[in-house]
Amino acid sequence: MLSNRPGRKRPIADAGRAFKSKGMDLFVLLHDPPETGRVKVLGLYSSVTLAEAAIERARVLPGFIDAPDSFTIHRYDVDKDHWPRGFVHL
């Protein structure tokens, strides 16, 4: 089940179908300063607008303030493989 809170009784698989059936994409907010090589996932959002608002909130926080232009937003389709061919080590 998704949650033990009242009113949330759909299995996780059903929740994914409901999310996709609304035609929504998933927007992933990352912070990736080039000098560190460390990517941080700040959150997953249902719209670009919400992800952009999260950038504004995070931009003034310790750590993020040192690299305020290292935020990126990536759109993902739900229920789709995003590495279908694997990867190679370089």
N, C-alpha and C. Protein backbone atom coordinates (compact mmCIF):
# COMPACT_ATOMS: atom_id res chain seq x y z
N MET A 1 0.82 -1.19 0.00
CA MET A 1 0.00 0.00 0.00
C MET A 1 0.87 1.25 0.00
N LEU A 2 0.35 2.30 -0.56
CA LEU A 2 1.09 3.55 -0.60
C LEU A 2 1.31 4.14 0.78
N SER A 3 0.32 4.12 1.60
CA SER A 3 0.42 4.79 2.88
C SER A 3 -0.57 4.17 3.85
N ASN A 4 -0.29 4.32 5.13
CA ASN A 4 -1.25 3.85 6.12
C ASN A 4 -2.20 4.97 6.53
N ARG A 5 -2.11 6.11 5.86
CA ARG A 5 -3.03 7.22 6.16
C ARG A 5 -4.41 6.92 5.58
N PRO A 6 -5.46 7.35 6.26
CA PRO A 6 -6.82 7.13 5.74
C PRO A 6 -6.97 7.73 4.34
N GLY A 7 -7.69 7.03 3.51
CA GLY A 7 -7.96 7.50 2.16
C GLY A 7 -6.88 7.12 1.15
N ARG A 8 -5.80 6.49 1.59
CA ARG A 8 -4.72 6.07 0.70
C ARG A 8 -4.64 4.56 0.73
N LYS A 9 -5.42 3.93 -0.13
CA LYS A 9 -5.50 2.47 -0.08
C LYS A 9 -5.15 1.81 -1.39
N ARG A 10 -4.61 2.56 -2.35
CA ARG A 10 -4.26 1.97 -3.63
C ARG A 10 -2.90 1.29 -3.55
N PRO A 11 -2.74 0.12 -4.15
CA PRO A 11 -1.41 -0.47 -4.24
C PRO A 11 -0.48 0.42 -5.07
N ILE A 12 0.81 0.29 -4.87
CA ILE A 12 1.78 1.14 -5.57
C ILE A 12 1.62 1.03 -7.08
N ALA A 13 1.42 -0.16 -7.62
CA ALA A 13 1.27 -0.32 -9.07
C ALA A 13 0.09 0.50 -9.58
N ASP A 14 -1.01 0.50 -8.86
CA ASP A 14 -2.17 1.29 -9.27
C ASP A 14 -1.87 2.78 -9.22
N ALA A 15 -1.10 3.21 -8.24
CA ALA A 15 -0.75 4.62 -8.13
C ALA A 15 0.05 5.07 -9.34
N GLY A 16 0.97 4.25 -9.82
CA GLY A 16 1.74 4.58 -11.02
C GLY A 16 0.86 4.73 -12.24
N ARG A 17 -0.10 3.84 -12.38
CA ARG A 17 -1.02 3.94 -13.52
C ARG A 17 -1.86 5.20 -13.41
N ALA A 18 -2.30 5.55 -12.22
CA ALA A 18 -3.11 6.75 -12.04
C ALA A 18 -2.29 7.99 -12.39
N PHE A 19 -1.02 8.02 -11.98
CA PHE A 19 -0.14 9.15 -12.27
C PHE A 19 0.03 9.31 -13.77
N LYS A 20 0.31 8.21 -14.46
CA LYS A 20 0.53 8.25 -15.90
C LYS A 20 -0.77 8.58 -16.64
N SER A 21 -1.89 8.07 -16.16
CA SER A 21 -3.14 8.29 -16.87
C SER A 21 -3.54 9.76 -16.87
N LYS A 22 -3.02 10.54 -15.95
CA LYS A 22 -3.31 11.97 -15.92
C LYS A 22 -2.45 12.73 -16.94
N GLY A 23 -1.56 12.02 -17.64
CA GLY A 23 -0.73 12.66 -18.63
C GLY A 23 0.39 13.49 -18.03
N MET A 24 0.76 13.19 -16.81
CA MET A 24 1.80 13.97 -16.14
C MET A 24 3.18 13.37 -16.35
N ASP A 25 4.16 14.24 -16.40
CA ASP A 25 5.54 13.82 -16.43
C ASP A 25 6.10 14.00 -15.03
N LEU A 26 7.29 13.48 -14.84
CA LEU A 26 7.98 13.62 -13.57
C LEU A 26 9.18 14.52 -13.82
N PHE A 27 9.37 15.53 -12.96
CA PHE A 27 10.48 16.46 -13.10
C PHE A 27 11.43 16.26 -11.93
N VAL A 28 12.67 15.92 -12.25
CA VAL A 28 13.68 15.62 -11.24
C VAL A 28 14.60 16.83 -11.13
N LEU A 29 14.75 17.32 -9.91
CA LEU A 29 15.62 18.47 -9.66
C LEU A 29 16.95 17.97 -9.10
N LEU A 30 18.03 18.31 -9.81
CA LEU A 30 19.37 17.89 -9.41
C LEU A 30 20.25 19.10 -9.12
N HIS A 31 21.23 18.89 -8.25
CA HIS A 31 22.29 19.88 -8.01
C HIS A 31 23.59 19.16 -8.30
N ASP A 32 24.34 19.66 -9.29
CA ASP A 32 25.53 18.97 -9.78
C ASP A 32 26.66 19.96 -10.04
N PRO A 33 27.31 20.44 -8.97
CA PRO A 33 28.44 21.35 -9.21
C PRO A 33 29.58 20.60 -9.91
N PRO A 34 30.09 21.12 -11.02
CA PRO A 34 31.10 20.41 -11.80
C PRO A 34 32.38 20.12 -11.03
N GLU A 35 32.74 20.97 -10.10
CA GLU A 35 34.00 20.77 -9.38
C GLU A 35 33.96 19.63 -8.38
N THR A 36 32.77 19.18 -7.98
CA THR A 36 32.70 18.10 -6.98
C THR A 36 32.45 16.74 -7.60
N GLY A 37 31.74 16.69 -8.74
CA GLY A 37 31.39 15.41 -9.33
C GLY A 37 30.31 14.68 -8.55
N ARG A 38 29.69 15.34 -7.61
CA ARG A 38 28.64 14.73 -6.79
C ARG A 38 27.28 15.30 -7.16
N VAL A 39 26.40 14.42 -7.57
CA VAL A 39 25.05 14.83 -7.94
C VAL A 39 24.12 14.59 -6.76
N LYS A 40 23.32 15.60 -6.43
CA LYS A 40 22.33 15.47 -5.36
C LYS A 40 20.94 15.59 -5.97
N VAL A 41 20.07 14.66 -5.63
CA VAL A 41 18.68 14.73 -6.05
C VAL A 41 17.94 15.53 -4.97
N LEU A 42 17.44 16.70 -5.35
CA LEU A 42 16.73 17.54 -4.40
C LEU A 42 15.26 17.17 -4.27
N GLY A 43 14.67 16.69 -5.35
CA GLY A 43 13.27 16.33 -5.27
C GLY A 43 12.70 15.92 -6.61
N LEU A 44 11.49 15.40 -6.53
CA LEU A 44 10.71 14.98 -7.70
C LEU A 44 9.43 15.80 -7.70
N TYR A 45 9.11 16.40 -8.83
CA TYR A 45 7.99 17.33 -8.88
C TYR A 45 7.07 17.02 -10.05
N SER A 46 5.83 17.44 -9.91
CA SER A 46 4.83 17.19 -10.94
C SER A 46 4.80 18.28 -12.00
N SER A 47 5.57 19.35 -11.83
CA SER A 47 5.62 20.41 -12.84
C SER A 47 6.97 21.12 -12.78
N VAL A 48 7.33 21.74 -13.89
CA VAL A 48 8.55 22.54 -13.95
C VAL A 48 8.44 23.71 -12.98
N THR A 49 7.26 24.29 -12.89
CA THR A 49 7.05 25.44 -12.00
C THR A 49 7.38 25.09 -10.55
N LEU A 50 6.93 23.93 -10.10
CA LEU A 50 7.23 23.51 -8.72
C LEU A 50 8.72 23.24 -8.54
N ALA A 51 9.37 22.67 -9.54
CA ALA A 51 10.81 22.42 -9.47
C ALA A 51 11.59 23.73 -9.44
N GLU A 52 11.15 24.70 -10.23
CA GLU A 52 11.81 26.01 -10.23
C GLU A 52 11.65 26.72 -8.89
N ALA A 53 10.49 26.58 -8.28
CA ALA A 53 10.27 27.17 -6.95
C ALA A 53 11.20 26.52 -5.92
N ALA A 54 11.43 25.22 -6.06
CA ALA A 54 12.34 24.51 -5.15
C ALA A 54 13.77 25.01 -5.33
N ILE A 55 14.15 25.33 -6.54
CA ILE A 55 15.48 25.89 -6.78
C ILE A 55 15.64 27.20 -6.01
N GLU A 56 14.65 28.05 -6.09
CA GLU A 56 14.72 29.34 -5.40
C GLU A 56 14.84 29.15 -3.89
N ARG A 57 14.15 28.17 -3.35
CA ARG A 57 14.26 27.90 -1.90
C ARG A 57 15.63 27.36 -1.54
N ALA A 58 16.17 26.46 -2.38
CA ALA A 58 17.44 25.80 -2.08
C ALA A 58 18.64 26.71 -2.33
N ARG A 59 18.52 27.59 -3.27
CA ARG A 59 19.64 28.44 -3.70
C ARG A 59 20.28 29.23 -2.55
N VAL A 60 19.54 29.51 -1.50
CA VAL A 60 20.06 30.31 -0.38
C VAL A 60 20.51 29.44 0.80
N LEU A 61 20.42 28.14 0.67
CA LEU A 61 20.78 27.23 1.76
C LEU A 61 22.28 26.92 1.76
N PRO A 62 22.82 26.59 2.94
CA PRO A 62 24.24 26.23 3.02
C PRO A 62 24.58 25.12 2.02
N GLY A 63 25.74 25.25 1.40
CA GLY A 63 26.17 24.27 0.41
C GLY A 63 25.68 24.64 -0.99
N PHE A 64 24.39 24.81 -1.13
CA PHE A 64 23.82 25.17 -2.43
C PHE A 64 24.17 26.61 -2.81
N ILE A 65 24.30 27.46 -1.80
CA ILE A 65 24.61 28.87 -2.06
C ILE A 65 25.98 29.04 -2.72
N ASP A 66 26.87 28.06 -2.51
CA ASP A 66 28.21 28.11 -3.09
C ASP A 66 28.22 27.79 -4.59
N ALA A 67 27.19 27.16 -5.09
CA ALA A 67 27.08 26.83 -6.52
C ALA A 67 25.63 27.04 -6.96
N PRO A 68 25.16 28.29 -6.94
CA PRO A 68 23.75 28.56 -7.21
C PRO A 68 23.30 28.30 -8.65
N ASP A 69 24.25 28.14 -9.57
CA ASP A 69 23.89 27.91 -10.97
C ASP A 69 24.06 26.46 -11.38
N SER A 70 24.18 25.56 -10.41
CA SER A 70 24.41 24.14 -10.71
C SER A 70 23.15 23.30 -10.59
N PHE A 71 21.99 23.92 -10.64
CA PHE A 71 20.73 23.19 -10.59
C PHE A 71 20.28 22.85 -12.00
N THR A 72 19.73 21.66 -12.16
CA THR A 72 19.13 21.27 -13.44
C THR A 72 17.82 20.54 -13.17
N ILE A 73 16.92 20.68 -14.11
CA ILE A 73 15.63 20.00 -14.05
C ILE A 73 15.55 19.07 -15.25
N HIS A 74 15.21 17.81 -14.99
CA HIS A 74 15.11 16.81 -16.05
C HIS A 74 13.69 16.24 -16.07
N ARG A 75 13.11 16.18 -17.27
CA ARG A 75 11.78 15.61 -17.43
C ARG A 75 11.90 14.12 -17.72
N TYR A 76 11.11 13.34 -17.03
CA TYR A 76 11.08 11.88 -17.25
C TYR A 76 9.66 11.42 -17.49
N ASP A 77 9.53 10.49 -18.43
CA ASP A 77 8.25 9.82 -18.61
C ASP A 77 8.13 8.76 -17.53
N VAL A 78 6.95 8.63 -16.97
CA VAL A 78 6.70 7.62 -15.95
C VAL A 78 6.49 6.27 -16.62
N ASP A 79 6.89 5.21 -15.95
CA ASP A 79 6.72 3.83 -16.44
C ASP A 79 7.49 3.56 -17.73
N LYS A 80 8.67 4.13 -17.85
CA LYS A 80 9.51 3.92 -19.03
C LYS A 80 10.94 3.67 -18.55
N ASP A 81 11.62 2.72 -19.19
CA ASP A 81 13.03 2.48 -18.90
C ASP A 81 13.85 3.63 -19.49
N HIS A 82 14.76 4.17 -18.70
CA HIS A 82 15.55 5.30 -19.18
C HIS A 82 17.01 4.92 -19.46
N TRP A 83 17.39 3.68 -19.21
CA TRP A 83 18.72 3.17 -19.58
C TRP A 83 18.51 1.84 -20.32
N PRO A 84 17.80 1.83 -21.43
CA PRO A 84 17.44 0.56 -22.07
C PRO A 84 18.61 -0.21 -22.69
N ARG A 85 19.74 0.46 -22.88
CA ARG A 85 20.89 -0.20 -23.51
C ARG A 85 22.04 -0.40 -22.53
N GLY A 86 21.79 -0.14 -21.25
CA GLY A 86 22.85 -0.29 -20.26
C GLY A 86 23.84 0.83 -20.31
N PHE A 87 25.08 0.57 -19.84
CA PHE A 87 26.13 1.59 -19.86
C PHE A 87 27.49 0.90 -19.85
N VAL A 88 28.51 1.66 -20.15
CA VAL A 88 29.88 1.14 -20.12
C VAL A 88 30.70 1.98 -19.16
N HIS A 89 31.71 1.35 -18.56
CA HIS A 89 32.65 2.08 -17.69
C HIS A 89 33.76 2.65 -18.57
N LEU A 90 34.09 3.89 -18.37
CA LEU A 90 35.17 4.51 -19.15
C LEU A 90 36.41 4.65 -18.31
